[in-house]
Structure formats: structure tokens, C-alpha cells
Amino acid sequence: MSKRVQVVLSKTVDKLGRNGDLLEVAPGYARNYLIPQGMAVVATPGLLRQVEQRRAKDQERLLAEKEAAEARKTALQTVGRFIIQKQVGEAEAIFGTVTTQDVADSIKAATSQEVDRRGITLPEISKVGFYKAQIKIHPEVTAEVEIQVASL
């Protein structure tokens, strides 16, 4: 079996790895494809230290983003209830539906925080009342807020 070569990717390569990853690849693959295409460089001790420093900075950044998401979650849950007004017919049934954009607009009006509507999960809302909505702020942080659907 031939010896493997350690390389550090300088670009993201499909089915191989992301920028900054340390990989062991076949020598021919590194020498004939990855290095000439500028996708990778041969791993040296100095380059490995740079990769480790970059990885540590990325970890700190991700931790800071998660802490900021936790703070936003606390702020959203402190507000308590968001009110959305809709036109109401017989038996307190609403006309139309309550959309995720309605919830995002209500949150922005109440707290001046931008919330991505694609991260909001709503239950089936067909009548006036109180409902719980899930808001995904961060991949690991989800807030639950109460929505009150009221008549105009």
C-alpha cells in the first residue's frame, strides 16, 4: 500500500472536505489534481498551526453566535405575547390564515428584532385564540412564543 500525503484544503471540494480541512489523500491525487488546481497545499508544521488557530477562532465565533441567540430567545420570551389581528366571521373563525410573515412582522413591531420567517413553525390556526409558535433562532436554539389571534 502506498504512502498517503497530508494536505490542507484551500477551497471546498465536493465529496472531499471544506476549506481548511486537514486530509490524507493519495500522493497522485494531491500531486496531479489538488495542488495544481489550487484546491490544496501540502501540510507543513507552520500551516498546521495556522489551521489550528483558525479552527479555534471559528469555535469562539460559533460560541458567541450561540450566546447571542440565547439572549434573543430570552428577549422574545420576556415579551410574552404577540398580537395578530385578523378579520373574523361567524363562530370566531378567521378569514384567511395567519402566516409566518404575519408573526415575523408582529415580532418586529413589538421588539424591533428581525426574525427570519422561514424559521417560524405555526400550528393550524383557524379561530381566534392563543397559540404557541416555535421560532428557530440558531441551529441549536429554539424559542417558543405565544401568539394571540384577535379580531380587527
C-alpha atoms as a PDB file:
ATOM      1  CA  MET A   1       0.000   0.000   0.000  1.00  0.00           C
ATOM      2  CA  SER A   2       1.365   3.389  -0.934  1.00  0.00           C
ATOM      3  CA  LYS A   3       2.034   6.209   1.450  1.00  0.00           C
ATOM      4  CA  ARG A   4      -0.617   8.876   1.932  1.00  0.00           C
ATOM      5  CA  VAL A   5       0.093  12.616   1.767  1.00  0.00           C
ATOM      6  CA  GLN A   6      -1.306  15.166   4.213  1.00  0.00           C
ATOM      7  CA  VAL A   7      -2.808  18.252   2.565  1.00  0.00           C
ATOM      8  CA  VAL A   8      -4.796  21.242   3.776  1.00  0.00           C
ATOM      9  CA  LEU A   9      -7.682  22.248   1.519  1.00  0.00           C
ATOM     10  CA  SER A  10      -7.621  25.857   0.376  1.00  0.00           C
ATOM     11  CA  LYS A  11     -11.076  25.556  -1.246  1.00  0.00           C
ATOM     12  CA  THR A  12     -14.132  23.492  -0.516  1.00  0.00           C
ATOM     13  CA  VAL A  13     -14.068  20.327  -2.646  1.00  0.00           C
ATOM     14  CA  ASP A  14     -17.263  18.290  -3.135  1.00  0.00           C
ATOM     15  CA  LYS A  15     -17.193  14.846  -1.515  1.00  0.00           C
ATOM     16  CA  LEU A  16     -13.764  15.559  -0.010  1.00  0.00           C
ATOM     17  CA  GLY A  17     -13.905  18.375   2.537  1.00  0.00           C
ATOM     18  CA  ARG A  18     -14.253  22.054   3.344  1.00  0.00           C
ATOM     19  CA  ASN A  19     -11.798  24.921   3.270  1.00  0.00           C
ATOM     20  CA  GLY A  20      -9.149  24.473   5.979  1.00  0.00           C
ATOM     21  CA  ASP A  21      -9.678  20.733   6.493  1.00  0.00           C
ATOM     22  CA  LEU A  22      -6.602  18.557   7.022  1.00  0.00           C
ATOM     23  CA  LEU A  23      -6.838  15.392   4.912  1.00  0.00           C
ATOM     24  CA  GLU A  24      -4.756  12.408   3.958  1.00  0.00           C
ATOM     25  CA  VAL A  25      -5.045  11.684   0.231  1.00  0.00           C
ATOM     26  CA  ALA A  26      -3.236   9.551  -2.311  1.00  0.00           C
ATOM     27  CA  PRO A  27       0.033  11.149  -3.493  1.00  0.00           C
ATOM     28  CA  GLY A  28      -1.022  11.102  -7.154  1.00  0.00           C
ATOM     29  CA  TYR A  29      -4.344  12.785  -6.393  1.00  0.00           C
ATOM     30  CA  ALA A  30      -2.564  15.532  -4.469  1.00  0.00           C
ATOM     31  CA  ARG A  31       0.295  15.979  -6.928  1.00  0.00           C
ATOM     32  CA  ASN A  32      -1.729  15.742 -10.169  1.00  0.00           C
ATOM     33  CA  TYR A  33      -5.046  17.335  -9.276  1.00  0.00           C
ATOM     34  CA  LEU A  34      -5.490  19.085  -5.923  1.00  0.00           C
ATOM     35  CA  ILE A  35      -2.247  21.105  -5.783  1.00  0.00           C
ATOM     36  CA  PRO A  36      -2.130  22.230  -9.473  1.00  0.00           C
ATOM     37  CA  GLN A  37      -5.796  23.284  -9.335  1.00  0.00           C
ATOM     38  CA  GLY A  38      -5.089  25.383  -6.224  1.00  0.00           C
ATOM     39  CA  MET A  39      -7.502  23.355  -4.136  1.00  0.00           C
ATOM     40  CA  ALA A  40      -4.940  22.197  -1.583  1.00  0.00           C
ATOM     41  CA  VAL A  41      -1.404  22.744  -0.273  1.00  0.00           C
ATOM     42  CA  VAL A  42       0.953  20.256   1.313  1.00  0.00           C
ATOM     43  CA  ALA A  43       0.667  20.282   5.096  1.00  0.00           C
ATOM     44  CA  THR A  44       3.685  21.781   6.874  1.00  0.00           C
ATOM     45  CA  PRO A  45       4.114  22.327  10.630  1.00  0.00           C
ATOM     46  CA  GLY A  46       3.580  26.096  10.221  1.00  0.00           C
ATOM     47  CA  LEU A  47       0.472  25.572   8.123  1.00  0.00           C
ATOM     48  CA  LEU A  48      -0.907  23.113  10.667  1.00  0.00           C
ATOM     49  CA  ARG A  49      -0.504  25.739  13.418  1.00  0.00           C
ATOM     50  CA  GLN A  50      -2.404  28.254  11.257  1.00  0.00           C
ATOM     51  CA  VAL A  51      -5.193  25.716  10.690  1.00  0.00           C
ATOM     52  CA  GLU A  52      -5.463  25.096  14.445  1.00  0.00           C
ATOM     53  CA  GLN A  53      -5.586  28.849  15.179  1.00  0.00           C
ATOM     54  CA  ARG A  54      -8.280  29.335  12.538  1.00  0.00           C
ATOM     55  CA  ARG A  55     -10.257  26.418  13.945  1.00  0.00           C
ATOM     56  CA  ALA A  56     -10.036  27.896  17.479  1.00  0.00           C
ATOM     57  CA  LYS A  57     -11.253  31.288  16.221  1.00  0.00           C
ATOM     58  CA  ASP A  58     -14.160  29.595  14.432  1.00  0.00           C
ATOM     59  CA  GLN A  59     -15.110  27.794  17.651  1.00  0.00           C
ATOM     60  CA  GLU A  60     -15.083  31.102  19.575  1.00  0.00           C
ATOM     61  CA  ARG A  61     -17.203  32.748  16.874  1.00  0.00           C
ATOM     62  CA  LEU A  62     -19.740  29.904  16.916  1.00  0.00           C
ATOM     63  CA  LEU A  63     -19.934  30.059  20.710  1.00  0.00           C
ATOM     64  CA  ALA A  64     -20.527  33.835  20.575  1.00  0.00           C
ATOM     65  CA  GLU A  65     -23.285  33.348  17.969  1.00  0.00           C
ATOM     66  CA  LYS A  66     -24.977  30.755  20.176  1.00  0.00           C
ATOM     67  CA  GLU A  67     -24.808  33.058  23.223  1.00  0.00           C
ATOM     68  CA  ALA A  68     -26.331  35.890  21.165  1.00  0.00           C
ATOM     69  CA  ALA A  69     -29.109  33.529  20.049  1.00  0.00           C
ATOM     70  CA  GLU A  70     -29.778  32.564  23.686  1.00  0.00           C
ATOM     71  CA  ALA A  71     -30.055  36.268  24.557  1.00  0.00           C
ATOM     72  CA  ARG A  72     -32.537  36.810  21.689  1.00  0.00           C
ATOM     73  CA  LYS A  73     -34.541  33.801  22.900  1.00  0.00           C
ATOM     74  CA  THR A  74     -34.738  35.277  26.389  1.00  0.00           C
ATOM     75  CA  ALA A  75     -35.772  38.657  24.978  1.00  0.00           C
ATOM     76  CA  LEU A  76     -38.548  37.095  22.871  1.00  0.00           C
ATOM     77  CA  GLN A  77     -39.879  35.035  25.765  1.00  0.00           C
ATOM     78  CA  THR A  78     -39.774  38.053  28.099  1.00  0.00           C
ATOM     79  CA  VAL A  79     -42.150  39.991  25.849  1.00  0.00           C
ATOM     80  CA  GLY A  80     -44.743  37.314  26.476  1.00  0.00           C
ATOM     81  CA  ARG A  81     -47.482  37.526  23.883  1.00  0.00           C
ATOM     82  CA  PHE A  82     -47.626  38.867  20.332  1.00  0.00           C
ATOM     83  CA  ILE A  83     -50.983  40.014  18.991  1.00  0.00           C
ATOM     84  CA  ILE A  84     -52.047  39.444  15.392  1.00  0.00           C
ATOM     85  CA  GLN A  85     -55.331  40.960  14.272  1.00  0.00           C
ATOM     86  CA  LYS A  86     -57.411  39.281  11.561  1.00  0.00           C
ATOM     87  CA  GLN A  87     -60.871  39.719  10.142  1.00  0.00           C
ATOM     88  CA  VAL A  88     -63.325  37.401  11.914  1.00  0.00           C
ATOM     89  CA  GLY A  89     -66.543  35.761  10.687  1.00  0.00           C
ATOM     90  CA  GLU A  90     -69.098  33.512  12.347  1.00  0.00           C
ATOM     91  CA  ALA A  91     -68.087  31.337  15.320  1.00  0.00           C
ATOM     92  CA  GLU A  92     -64.862  33.326  15.709  1.00  0.00           C
ATOM     93  CA  ALA A  93     -63.400  31.762  12.554  1.00  0.00           C
ATOM     94  CA  ILE A  94     -60.822  33.975  10.858  1.00  0.00           C
ATOM     95  CA  PHE A  95     -60.779  34.841   7.183  1.00  0.00           C
ATOM     96  CA  GLY A  96     -57.585  33.642   5.538  1.00  0.00           C
ATOM     97  CA  THR A  97     -54.714  32.275   7.570  1.00  0.00           C
ATOM     98  CA  VAL A  98     -52.094  33.504   9.964  1.00  0.00           C
ATOM     99  CA  THR A  99     -48.818  33.258   8.074  1.00  0.00           C
ATOM    100  CA  THR A 100     -45.251  33.127   9.291  1.00  0.00           C
ATOM    101  CA  GLN A 101     -44.767  36.578   7.751  1.00  0.00           C
ATOM    102  CA  ASP A 102     -47.579  37.919   9.997  1.00  0.00           C
ATOM    103  CA  VAL A 103     -45.771  36.533  13.031  1.00  0.00           C
ATOM    104  CA  ALA A 104     -42.415  37.952  11.892  1.00  0.00           C
ATOM    105  CA  ASP A 105     -43.993  41.391  11.346  1.00  0.00           C
ATOM    106  CA  SER A 106     -45.660  41.269  14.774  1.00  0.00           C
ATOM    107  CA  ILE A 107     -42.349  40.408  16.456  1.00  0.00           C
ATOM    108  CA  LYS A 108     -40.556  43.190  14.585  1.00  0.00           C
ATOM    109  CA  ALA A 109     -43.223  45.718  15.604  1.00  0.00           C
ATOM    110  CA  ALA A 110     -43.099  44.680  19.262  1.00  0.00           C
ATOM    111  CA  THR A 111     -39.368  44.134  19.792  1.00  0.00           C
ATOM    112  CA  SER A 112     -37.677  45.665  16.692  1.00  0.00           C
ATOM    113  CA  GLN A 113     -35.876  42.322  16.217  1.00  0.00           C
ATOM    114  CA  GLU A 114     -35.609  40.773  12.765  1.00  0.00           C
ATOM    115  CA  VAL A 115     -36.787  37.166  12.722  1.00  0.00           C
ATOM    116  CA  ASP A 116     -36.491  35.006   9.622  1.00  0.00           C
ATOM    117  CA  ARG A 117     -39.989  33.847   8.683  1.00  0.00           C
ATOM    118  CA  ARG A 118     -38.608  30.535   7.393  1.00  0.00           C
ATOM    119  CA  GLY A 119     -37.560  29.637  10.938  1.00  0.00           C
ATOM    120  CA  ILE A 120     -41.084  30.033  12.343  1.00  0.00           C
ATOM    121  CA  THR A 121     -43.296  26.978  12.842  1.00  0.00           C
ATOM    122  CA  LEU A 122     -47.002  27.605  13.403  1.00  0.00           C
ATOM    123  CA  PRO A 123     -49.812  25.245  14.374  1.00  0.00           C
ATOM    124  CA  GLU A 124     -53.046  25.140  12.368  1.00  0.00           C
ATOM    125  CA  ILE A 125     -54.735  28.484  13.142  1.00  0.00           C
ATOM    126  CA  SER A 126     -58.383  28.813  12.098  1.00  0.00           C
ATOM    127  CA  LYS A 127     -60.039  30.592  15.015  1.00  0.00           C
ATOM    128  CA  VAL A 128     -59.432  33.490  17.370  1.00  0.00           C
ATOM    129  CA  GLY A 129     -57.415  32.452  20.393  1.00  0.00           C
ATOM    130  CA  PHE A 130     -53.995  31.749  21.838  1.00  0.00           C
ATOM    131  CA  TYR A 131     -51.400  29.624  20.052  1.00  0.00           C
ATOM    132  CA  LYS A 132     -47.766  28.625  20.566  1.00  0.00           C
ATOM    133  CA  ALA A 133     -45.225  29.245  17.801  1.00  0.00           C
ATOM    134  CA  GLN A 134     -41.712  27.813  17.565  1.00  0.00           C
ATOM    135  CA  ILE A 135     -39.008  30.198  16.329  1.00  0.00           C
ATOM    136  CA  LYS A 136     -35.678  28.712  15.289  1.00  0.00           C
ATOM    137  CA  ILE A 137     -33.120  31.438  16.047  1.00  0.00           C
ATOM    138  CA  HIS A 138     -29.986  29.297  15.746  1.00  0.00           C
ATOM    139  CA  PRO A 139     -29.450  25.642  14.770  1.00  0.00           C
ATOM    140  CA  GLU A 140     -29.286  24.777  18.489  1.00  0.00           C
ATOM    141  CA  VAL A 141     -31.625  27.451  19.916  1.00  0.00           C
ATOM    142  CA  THR A 142     -35.403  27.440  19.523  1.00  0.00           C
ATOM    143  CA  ALA A 143     -37.727  29.894  21.257  1.00  0.00           C
ATOM    144  CA  GLU A 144     -41.395  29.295  21.973  1.00  0.00           C
ATOM    145  CA  VAL A 145     -43.629  32.361  21.947  1.00  0.00           C
ATOM    146  CA  GLU A 146     -47.332  32.835  22.488  1.00  0.00           C
ATOM    147  CA  ILE A 147     -49.441  34.373  19.733  1.00  0.00           C
ATOM    148  CA  GLN A 148     -52.853  35.853  20.299  1.00  0.00           C
ATOM    149  CA  VAL A 149     -55.097  35.987  17.248  1.00  0.00           C
ATOM    150  CA  ALA A 150     -57.675  38.733  17.774  1.00  0.00           C
ATOM    151  CA  SER A 151     -60.437  40.283  15.699  1.00  0.00           C
ATOM    152  CA  LEU A 152     -59.996  43.623  13.955  1.00  0.00           C
END
